[in-house]
Amino acid sequence: MYRIGAVTIGQSPRSDVMVDIKPILGPDIEIVEAGALDGLGKEEIAKLAPIEGDYVLVTRLRDGTSVKVAEKHITPLLCDKIGKLFESGIHVVLLLCTGEFPDFGANGFLLRPQKMLFEVTKAVGEGLKLGVFTPSKDQIEQSRKRWSAVTKDLRIVAASPYVESDASIARGAMELSEWGAQIIVMDCIGYTSKMKKHAREITSCPVILARTVASRIARELLE
């Protein structure tokens, strides 16, 4: 049996993510999970919250609640978790986040969904009317900076995958449909296959989902 590491910027296990990833990786792949916030209490996590000017990330805790953290605080914790997985003999580690991070200097294959999602979307959506889902209004401008490199015809909507997700996905999809989106990218690991299907039903256009793109590339490396 092959082993793959999966590191969330929140707390593990991420059963909400694995429900879509495990079927793609298959029964012959053992997934070893770790979380940057594992072992931290509420007060410790609160100290990692972003302030004005920080790069904002949204993630999920073990109890199902969502929190915002600053990239500058979470990166050292991620480095530690990723490093320990490689040291344990695992050669492929999947980062369960589409946020932008500095290089980790990993000693193995570190799969970064942000880069994969960007390149796939650019390959098929360059020049089209691109709709983007991002979890929080705090992330819209940093998202605009990223995705404007694919197309200037861009509309970004904030829709949390963790809080009242059905309603927020529906509102965002309606906005993108009325705007005339030709392709949509769901820019967070928290978005599910069910949410993708919901968005596609409303907009009638292709939807690219981060977690399935990343897990299919991971499977390619393990076969």
C-alpha atoms as a PDB file:
ATOM      1  CA  MET A   1       0.000   0.000   0.000  1.00  0.00           C
ATOM      2  CA  TYR A   2       1.270   3.471  -0.934  1.00  0.00           C
ATOM      3  CA  ARG A   3       1.230   6.255   1.651  1.00  0.00           C
ATOM      4  CA  ILE A   4       0.553   9.947   1.081  1.00  0.00           C
ATOM      5  CA  GLY A   5       0.643  12.819   3.533  1.00  0.00           C
ATOM      6  CA  ALA A   6      -2.156  15.398   3.717  1.00  0.00           C
ATOM      7  CA  VAL A   7      -1.585  18.606   5.682  1.00  0.00           C
ATOM      8  CA  THR A   8      -4.339  21.086   6.476  1.00  0.00           C
ATOM      9  CA  ILE A   9      -3.759  24.636   7.700  1.00  0.00           C
ATOM     10  CA  GLY A  10      -6.477  23.877  10.256  1.00  0.00           C
ATOM     11  CA  GLN A  11      -6.913  20.787  12.413  1.00  0.00           C
ATOM     12  CA  SER A  12      -6.906  17.161  11.336  1.00  0.00           C
ATOM     13  CA  PRO A  13      -8.605  14.927  10.516  1.00  0.00           C
ATOM     14  CA  ARG A  14     -10.394  16.645   7.642  1.00  0.00           C
ATOM     15  CA  SER A  15     -13.202  14.158   7.026  1.00  0.00           C
ATOM     16  CA  ASP A  16     -15.042  16.859   5.078  1.00  0.00           C
ATOM     17  CA  VAL A  17     -12.205  16.888   2.528  1.00  0.00           C
ATOM     18  CA  MET A  18     -11.404  13.168   2.508  1.00  0.00           C
ATOM     19  CA  VAL A  19     -14.941  12.290   1.405  1.00  0.00           C
ATOM     20  CA  ASP A  20     -14.002  13.561  -2.089  1.00  0.00           C
ATOM     21  CA  ILE A  21     -10.286  12.752  -2.089  1.00  0.00           C
ATOM     22  CA  LYS A  22     -10.309   9.115  -0.955  1.00  0.00           C
ATOM     23  CA  PRO A  23     -12.415   7.808  -3.880  1.00  0.00           C
ATOM     24  CA  ILE A  24      -9.996   9.431  -6.344  1.00  0.00           C
ATOM     25  CA  LEU A  25      -6.848   8.151  -4.646  1.00  0.00           C
ATOM     26  CA  GLY A  26      -8.350   4.682  -4.320  1.00  0.00           C
ATOM     27  CA  PRO A  27      -8.342   1.953  -1.646  1.00  0.00           C
ATOM     28  CA  ASP A  28      -4.661   1.141  -2.151  1.00  0.00           C
ATOM     29  CA  ILE A  29      -3.532   4.556  -0.846  1.00  0.00           C
ATOM     30  CA  GLU A  30      -3.098   5.205   2.884  1.00  0.00           C
ATOM     31  CA  ILE A  31      -3.596   8.865   3.800  1.00  0.00           C
ATOM     32  CA  VAL A  32      -1.657  10.177   6.793  1.00  0.00           C
ATOM     33  CA  GLU A  33      -3.177  13.460   7.969  1.00  0.00           C
ATOM     34  CA  ALA A  34      -1.705  16.322   9.971  1.00  0.00           C
ATOM     35  CA  GLY A  35      -2.871  19.833  10.814  1.00  0.00           C
ATOM     36  CA  ALA A  36      -0.972  23.051  11.439  1.00  0.00           C
ATOM     37  CA  LEU A  37      -3.332  23.832  14.335  1.00  0.00           C
ATOM     38  CA  ASP A  38      -3.315  20.341  15.866  1.00  0.00           C
ATOM     39  CA  GLY A  39      -2.826  20.520  19.623  1.00  0.00           C
ATOM     40  CA  LEU A  40      -3.553  24.247  19.865  1.00  0.00           C
ATOM     41  CA  GLY A  41      -6.310  25.656  22.058  1.00  0.00           C
ATOM     42  CA  LYS A  42      -8.731  28.459  21.219  1.00  0.00           C
ATOM     43  CA  GLU A  43      -6.594  31.169  22.820  1.00  0.00           C
ATOM     44  CA  GLU A  44      -3.485  30.049  20.943  1.00  0.00           C
ATOM     45  CA  ILE A  45      -5.392  29.932  17.654  1.00  0.00           C
ATOM     46  CA  ALA A  46      -6.853  33.398  18.284  1.00  0.00           C
ATOM     47  CA  LYS A  47      -3.314  34.806  18.340  1.00  0.00           C
ATOM     48  CA  LEU A  48      -2.847  33.641  14.727  1.00  0.00           C
ATOM     49  CA  ALA A  49      -5.701  35.813  13.419  1.00  0.00           C
ATOM     50  CA  PRO A  50      -4.859  38.216  10.583  1.00  0.00           C
ATOM     51  CA  ILE A  51      -4.674  41.972  10.992  1.00  0.00           C
ATOM     52  CA  GLU A  52      -4.955  44.623   8.288  1.00  0.00           C
ATOM     53  CA  GLY A  53      -2.442  44.005   5.526  1.00  0.00           C
ATOM     54  CA  ASP A  54      -2.005  40.286   6.250  1.00  0.00           C
ATOM     55  CA  TYR A  55      -2.614  37.555   3.690  1.00  0.00           C
ATOM     56  CA  VAL A  56      -5.852  35.978   4.931  1.00  0.00           C
ATOM     57  CA  LEU A  57      -6.548  32.236   5.051  1.00  0.00           C
ATOM     58  CA  VAL A  58      -9.770  30.500   6.084  1.00  0.00           C
ATOM     59  CA  THR A  59      -9.767  26.980   7.495  1.00  0.00           C
ATOM     60  CA  ARG A  60     -11.712  24.466   9.567  1.00  0.00           C
ATOM     61  CA  LEU A  61     -11.154  23.176  13.087  1.00  0.00           C
ATOM     62  CA  ARG A  62     -11.818  19.635  14.294  1.00  0.00           C
ATOM     63  CA  ASP A  63     -15.173  20.648  15.781  1.00  0.00           C
ATOM     64  CA  GLY A  64     -16.379  21.929  12.394  1.00  0.00           C
ATOM     65  CA  THR A  65     -16.067  25.645  13.094  1.00  0.00           C
ATOM     66  CA  SER A  66     -14.135  27.910  10.740  1.00  0.00           C
ATOM     67  CA  VAL A  67     -11.375  30.365  11.623  1.00  0.00           C
ATOM     68  CA  LYS A  68      -9.264  32.969   9.848  1.00  0.00           C
ATOM     69  CA  VAL A  69      -5.488  32.861  10.216  1.00  0.00           C
ATOM     70  CA  ALA A  70      -2.640  34.927   8.795  1.00  0.00           C
ATOM     71  CA  GLU A  71      -0.280  33.234   6.340  1.00  0.00           C
ATOM     72  CA  LYS A  72       2.757  34.646   8.178  1.00  0.00           C
ATOM     73  CA  HIS A  73       1.699  32.811  11.355  1.00  0.00           C
ATOM     74  CA  ILE A  74       0.642  29.527   9.795  1.00  0.00           C
ATOM     75  CA  THR A  75       3.631  28.992   7.479  1.00  0.00           C
ATOM     76  CA  PRO A  76       6.130  27.948  10.217  1.00  0.00           C
ATOM     77  CA  LEU A  77       3.582  25.508  11.642  1.00  0.00           C
ATOM     78  CA  LEU A  78       3.001  24.025   8.189  1.00  0.00           C
ATOM     79  CA  CYS A  79       6.733  23.658   7.604  1.00  0.00           C
ATOM     80  CA  ASP A  80       7.008  21.632  10.789  1.00  0.00           C
ATOM     81  CA  LYS A  81       4.145  19.265   9.897  1.00  0.00           C
ATOM     82  CA  ILE A  82       5.296  18.799   6.305  1.00  0.00           C
ATOM     83  CA  GLY A  83       8.873  18.146   7.392  1.00  0.00           C
ATOM     84  CA  LYS A  84       7.824  15.476   9.895  1.00  0.00           C
ATOM     85  CA  LEU A  85       5.802  13.628   7.259  1.00  0.00           C
ATOM     86  CA  PHE A  86       8.765  13.521   4.888  1.00  0.00           C
ATOM     87  CA  GLU A  87      11.024  12.413   7.744  1.00  0.00           C
ATOM     88  CA  SER A  88       8.627   9.533   8.438  1.00  0.00           C
ATOM     89  CA  GLY A  89       9.342   8.108   4.979  1.00  0.00           C
ATOM     90  CA  ILE A  90       6.382   9.567   3.085  1.00  0.00           C
ATOM     91  CA  HIS A  91       7.494  10.878  -0.323  1.00  0.00           C
ATOM     92  CA  VAL A  92       4.337  12.689  -1.488  1.00  0.00           C
ATOM     93  CA  VAL A  93       2.559  15.292   0.652  1.00  0.00           C
ATOM     94  CA  LEU A  94      -0.600  17.108  -0.401  1.00  0.00           C
ATOM     95  CA  LEU A  95      -1.156  20.552   1.097  1.00  0.00           C
ATOM     96  CA  LEU A  96      -4.881  20.957   1.812  1.00  0.00           C
ATOM     97  CA  CYS A  97      -5.045  24.676   1.062  1.00  0.00           C
ATOM     98  CA  THR A  98      -5.158  26.844  -2.059  1.00  0.00           C
ATOM     99  CA  GLY A  99      -3.487  29.799  -0.356  1.00  0.00           C
ATOM    100  CA  GLU A 100      -0.181  31.255  -1.495  1.00  0.00           C
ATOM    101  CA  PHE A 101       2.894  30.411   0.582  1.00  0.00           C
ATOM    102  CA  PRO A 102       6.645  30.892   0.289  1.00  0.00           C
ATOM    103  CA  ASP A 103       8.759  27.904  -0.733  1.00  0.00           C
ATOM    104  CA  PHE A 104       8.918  25.260   1.985  1.00  0.00           C
ATOM    105  CA  GLY A 105      12.161  23.597   0.917  1.00  0.00           C
ATOM    106  CA  ALA A 106      10.486  20.192   1.071  1.00  0.00           C
ATOM    107  CA  ASN A 107      12.465  16.942   0.820  1.00  0.00           C
ATOM    108  CA  GLY A 108       9.992  15.187  -1.450  1.00  0.00           C
ATOM    109  CA  PHE A 109       6.992  15.884  -3.665  1.00  0.00           C
ATOM    110  CA  LEU A 110       4.973  18.672  -2.063  1.00  0.00           C
ATOM    111  CA  LEU A 111       1.738  19.198  -3.981  1.00  0.00           C
ATOM    112  CA  ARG A 112       0.493  22.778  -3.681  1.00  0.00           C
ATOM    113  CA  PRO A 113      -3.112  23.090  -4.921  1.00  0.00           C
ATOM    114  CA  GLN A 114      -2.824  26.846  -5.474  1.00  0.00           C
ATOM    115  CA  LYS A 115      -0.238  26.341  -8.202  1.00  0.00           C
ATOM    116  CA  MET A 116      -2.046  23.379  -9.766  1.00  0.00           C
ATOM    117  CA  LEU A 117      -5.429  25.110  -9.689  1.00  0.00           C
ATOM    118  CA  PHE A 118      -3.993  28.262 -11.243  1.00  0.00           C
ATOM    119  CA  GLU A 119      -2.224  26.457 -14.085  1.00  0.00           C
ATOM    120  CA  VAL A 120      -5.212  24.234 -14.926  1.00  0.00           C
ATOM    121  CA  THR A 121      -7.564  27.229 -14.938  1.00  0.00           C
ATOM    122  CA  LYS A 122      -5.159  29.268 -17.053  1.00  0.00           C
ATOM    123  CA  ALA A 123      -4.789  26.417 -19.540  1.00  0.00           C
ATOM    124  CA  VAL A 124      -8.536  26.147 -20.197  1.00  0.00           C
ATOM    125  CA  GLY A 125      -9.913  29.534 -19.181  1.00  0.00           C
ATOM    126  CA  GLU A 126      -7.475  32.143 -20.412  1.00  0.00           C
ATOM    127  CA  GLY A 127      -9.379  35.037 -21.957  1.00  0.00           C
ATOM    128  CA  LEU A 128     -12.812  33.770 -20.872  1.00  0.00           C
ATOM    129  CA  LYS A 129     -15.193  35.384 -18.389  1.00  0.00           C
ATOM    130  CA  LEU A 130     -13.879  33.807 -15.193  1.00  0.00           C
ATOM    131  CA  GLY A 131     -15.951  33.520 -12.036  1.00  0.00           C
ATOM    132  CA  VAL A 132     -14.156  32.787  -8.768  1.00  0.00           C
ATOM    133  CA  PHE A 133     -15.496  31.551  -5.453  1.00  0.00           C
ATOM    134  CA  THR A 134     -13.454  32.543  -2.390  1.00  0.00           C
ATOM    135  CA  PRO A 135     -14.490  31.886   1.244  1.00  0.00           C
ATOM    136  CA  SER A 136     -14.428  35.409   2.699  1.00  0.00           C
ATOM    137  CA  LYS A 137     -14.854  39.029   1.647  1.00  0.00           C
ATOM    138  CA  ASP A 138     -11.445  39.622   3.268  1.00  0.00           C
ATOM    139  CA  GLN A 139      -9.920  37.484   0.500  1.00  0.00           C
ATOM    140  CA  ILE A 140     -11.489  39.142  -2.529  1.00  0.00           C
ATOM    141  CA  GLU A 141      -8.692  41.602  -3.300  1.00  0.00           C
ATOM    142  CA  GLN A 142      -5.893  39.065  -2.857  1.00  0.00           C
ATOM    143  CA  SER A 143      -7.915  36.711  -5.059  1.00  0.00           C
ATOM    144  CA  ARG A 144      -8.340  39.428  -7.682  1.00  0.00           C
ATOM    145  CA  LYS A 145      -4.577  39.941  -7.769  1.00  0.00           C
ATOM    146  CA  ARG A 146      -4.034  36.228  -8.406  1.00  0.00           C
ATOM    147  CA  TRP A 147      -6.724  35.523 -10.990  1.00  0.00           C
ATOM    148  CA  SER A 148      -6.339  38.714 -13.012  1.00  0.00           C
ATOM    149  CA  ALA A 149      -3.207  37.047 -14.382  1.00  0.00           C
ATOM    150  CA  VAL A 150      -5.542  34.612 -16.179  1.00  0.00           C
ATOM    151  CA  THR A 151      -8.078  37.134 -17.483  1.00  0.00           C
ATOM    152  CA  LYS A 152      -9.151  40.721 -16.919  1.00  0.00           C
ATOM    153  CA  ASP A 153     -12.784  39.656 -17.408  1.00  0.00           C
ATOM    154  CA  LEU A 154     -13.147  38.560 -13.804  1.00  0.00           C
ATOM    155  CA  ARG A 155     -15.843  38.402 -11.123  1.00  0.00           C
ATOM    156  CA  ILE A 156     -15.109  37.203  -7.571  1.00  0.00           C
ATOM    157  CA  VAL A 157     -17.784  36.217  -5.064  1.00  0.00           C
ATOM    158  CA  ALA A 158     -17.377  35.409  -1.363  1.00  0.00           C
ATOM    159  CA  ALA A 159     -19.142  32.212  -0.270  1.00  0.00           C
ATOM    160  CA  SER A 160     -18.079  30.289   2.814  1.00  0.00           C
ATOM    161  CA  PRO A 161     -17.819  26.507   2.408  1.00  0.00           C
ATOM    162  CA  TYR A 162     -18.197  26.186   6.185  1.00  0.00           C
ATOM    163  CA  VAL A 163     -21.005  28.557   7.252  1.00  0.00           C
ATOM    164  CA  GLU A 164     -24.477  28.420   5.635  1.00  0.00           C
ATOM    165  CA  SER A 165     -22.740  27.007   2.594  1.00  0.00           C
ATOM    166  CA  ASP A 166     -25.810  25.997   0.552  1.00  0.00           C
ATOM    167  CA  ALA A 167     -27.268  29.502   0.657  1.00  0.00           C
ATOM    168  CA  SER A 168     -23.941  31.270   0.068  1.00  0.00           C
ATOM    169  CA  ILE A 169     -23.023  29.019  -2.861  1.00  0.00           C
ATOM    170  CA  ALA A 170     -26.453  29.593  -4.418  1.00  0.00           C
ATOM    171  CA  ARG A 171     -26.158  33.389  -4.046  1.00  0.00           C
ATOM    172  CA  GLY A 172     -22.669  33.404  -5.502  1.00  0.00           C
ATOM    173  CA  ALA A 173     -23.625  31.155  -8.406  1.00  0.00           C
ATOM    174  CA  MET A 174     -26.643  33.330  -9.239  1.00  0.00           C
ATOM    175  CA  GLU A 175     -24.432  36.417  -9.295  1.00  0.00           C
ATOM    176  CA  LEU A 176     -21.930  34.724 -11.601  1.00  0.00           C
ATOM    177  CA  SER A 177     -24.704  33.406 -13.840  1.00  0.00           C
ATOM    178  CA  GLU A 178     -26.270  36.849 -14.220  1.00  0.00           C
ATOM    179  CA  TRP A 179     -22.834  38.308 -14.951  1.00  0.00           C
ATOM    180  CA  GLY A 180     -22.335  35.725 -17.719  1.00  0.00           C
ATOM    181  CA  ALA A 181     -19.448  33.641 -16.391  1.00  0.00           C
ATOM    182  CA  GLN A 182     -18.066  31.151 -18.934  1.00  0.00           C
ATOM    183  CA  ILE A 183     -15.983  29.142 -16.479  1.00  0.00           C
ATOM    184  CA  ILE A 184     -15.801  29.028 -12.675  1.00  0.00           C
ATOM    185  CA  VAL A 185     -13.057  28.106 -10.238  1.00  0.00           C
ATOM    186  CA  MET A 186     -13.771  27.263  -6.577  1.00  0.00           C
ATOM    187  CA  ASP A 187     -10.648  28.593  -4.877  1.00  0.00           C
ATOM    188  CA  CYS A 188     -10.587  26.775  -1.531  1.00  0.00           C
ATOM    189  CA  ILE A 189     -10.035  23.163  -0.479  1.00  0.00           C
ATOM    190  CA  GLY A 190     -13.173  23.497   1.661  1.00  0.00           C
ATOM    191  CA  TYR A 191     -15.471  23.542  -1.369  1.00  0.00           C
ATOM    192  CA  THR A 192     -16.989  20.098  -2.005  1.00  0.00           C
ATOM    193  CA  SER A 193     -18.077  18.103  -5.036  1.00  0.00           C
ATOM    194  CA  LYS A 194     -21.673  18.717  -3.937  1.00  0.00           C
ATOM    195  CA  MET A 195     -21.045  22.491  -3.968  1.00  0.00           C
ATOM    196  CA  LYS A 196     -19.451  22.209  -7.400  1.00  0.00           C
ATOM    197  CA  LYS A 197     -22.521  20.384  -8.709  1.00  0.00           C
ATOM    198  CA  HIS A 198     -24.814  23.025  -7.188  1.00  0.00           C
ATOM    199  CA  ALA A 199     -22.852  25.858  -8.805  1.00  0.00           C
ATOM    200  CA  ARG A 200     -22.833  24.120 -12.169  1.00  0.00           C
ATOM    201  CA  GLU A 201     -26.582  23.498 -12.081  1.00  0.00           C
ATOM    202  CA  ILE A 202     -27.220  27.208 -11.497  1.00  0.00           C
ATOM    203  CA  THR A 203     -24.672  28.625 -13.943  1.00  0.00           C
ATOM    204  CA  SER A 204     -24.645  25.919 -16.652  1.00  0.00           C
ATOM    205  CA  CYS A 205     -20.910  26.387 -17.113  1.00  0.00           C
ATOM    206  CA  PRO A 206     -17.823  24.296 -16.232  1.00  0.00           C
ATOM    207  CA  VAL A 207     -16.654  24.457 -12.605  1.00  0.00           C
ATOM    208  CA  ILE A 208     -13.091  23.617 -11.537  1.00  0.00           C
ATOM    209  CA  LEU A 209     -12.780  22.249  -7.989  1.00  0.00           C
ATOM    210  CA  ALA A 210      -9.478  22.521  -6.104  1.00  0.00           C
ATOM    211  CA  ARG A 211      -9.630  19.304  -4.080  1.00  0.00           C
ATOM    212  CA  THR A 212     -10.393  17.028  -7.016  1.00  0.00           C
ATOM    213  CA  VAL A 213      -7.798  18.618  -9.307  1.00  0.00           C
ATOM    214  CA  ALA A 214      -5.124  18.204  -6.613  1.00  0.00           C
ATOM    215  CA  SER A 215      -6.038  14.632  -5.689  1.00  0.00           C
ATOM    216  CA  ARG A 216      -6.042  13.497  -9.333  1.00  0.00           C
ATOM    217  CA  ILE A 217      -2.517  14.848  -9.778  1.00  0.00           C
ATOM    218  CA  ALA A 218      -1.507  13.132  -6.527  1.00  0.00           C
ATOM    219  CA  ARG A 219      -2.861   9.837  -7.841  1.00  0.00           C
ATOM    220  CA  GLU A 220      -0.827  10.301 -11.024  1.00  0.00           C
ATOM    221  CA  LEU A 221       2.378  10.521  -8.959  1.00  0.00           C
ATOM    222  CA  LEU A 222       1.553   7.427  -6.933  1.00  0.00           C
ATOM    223  CA  GLU A 223       0.662   5.041  -9.755  1.00  0.00           C
END
